[in-house]
Amino acid sequence: MGIRGERLERPHALGASWAYAANAWSALGGGVALAFFHALTVRLARLSGVRPPIAWVFAPTLLFGLDPMWTVETTLAEVYSWHVAWALGACLAFTGLLRLISTPDAAVTDRGMLVRAAAWGALCGVGAAHHATFVFVAAPLSIGLVIALARARRWRWRLMAAALLASLVPLASYSVIAWRAFHPAVVQWPVLAPTWKGVLRHITGAQYRMLLGHYGPSEVQRDYLERFVYPYVALALVAALALAWRARAAMERLALRTLLSAALLSTAYAFGYGAYDPSSYFLAGMAIGLSCLGPLGGDLLSGPRMGHVGRALGAPILALALAAQIVPWMRMS
């Protein structure tokens, strides 16, 4: 809360109320997330050697962006819009690094790789400092990079050391929690006890451990999940799996299987967390999987095998899918 409050002071200093500043910060995170989402869709299309029609490039972004559960997160004072932004940004950086590592004639010196390893560690540190569940994205992506480096015979232990040291810089922001524990603000998290044990319990999320290992959404959430989350999570995972299955080149297979692993881990955690409103925890995995929908749909419906039939069917299918999102979105707004 302390770190988030420091950020919210900026729009508040310009005359905005605290509520407006908090909501605006969530909306900004949503915009950044959708920009990364679109960029990742384009990157995966190039990686897969697919040139989908422009409708298939923008459709997945609209499909995710109009989901009511996503619009709720981007219009309330919450942390999950930025969580999805960091997750998609990490996926985008991962694919770029993978392409660089796997290019045989890449003119990148060992020092250049060390700098990139540090940058990757810093990015992972930012995501982890923002939300602990970022580990379900950072871990598989980092393992994928290690595999790529090993295959290219460019793996060095100092790369891991650089990444780990760089990740500690953003993670040092947790010191704000310790400061606030012993120097309380006017309003802060009530269970943050002014002891080092209390600081450790707060950082490790001890108060939420009782929610692990079961699934118990409220009745209202069950309705929202059945209408706006489960169908799209299923579509996302199927799209990621299908695109990974169709991968031909070794780098393409590694990239898509790693992204699929990140989506599966994030989704599995959401099903194992017993909060009464777990919809937020599905968003990262859903976004990663749906970014695969553009290249997959463009290849299946607009490729040479489908011909004019695929091109004729593609637009109505997209229109119906988006209409199914827009109507409930307008009702909930």
Foldseek 3Di string as FASTA:
>chain_A
DVVVVVQLVVVVVVPDDSFVSLLQVLLVLLVLLLVLLLLLLVLLLVLQVHDFPPCLSCLLSLLLSLQQVSVVRNRGNDLLSNLLNLLSVLLNLLLVLLVLLQDLPRPADLVNLLVSLLVSLLSLLQSCLSPVLSCLRSVLSVVLSQVSCVVSVNDDVSSVVSSPVSSVVSNVVLVVLLVCQCVPDPDDDVQQHNDPVSSVCVSVVVVQPVQFAAAAADPVLVVSCVQRNVVLLVQLLVLLVVQLVPGDDPSSNSSSVSLSSSLVSQCVRLRGGHDNRSRSSNSNSSSSSSSSRSSVLSCPLVNPVNPPVSVVPVVVVSVVSSVSSNVVSVVVD
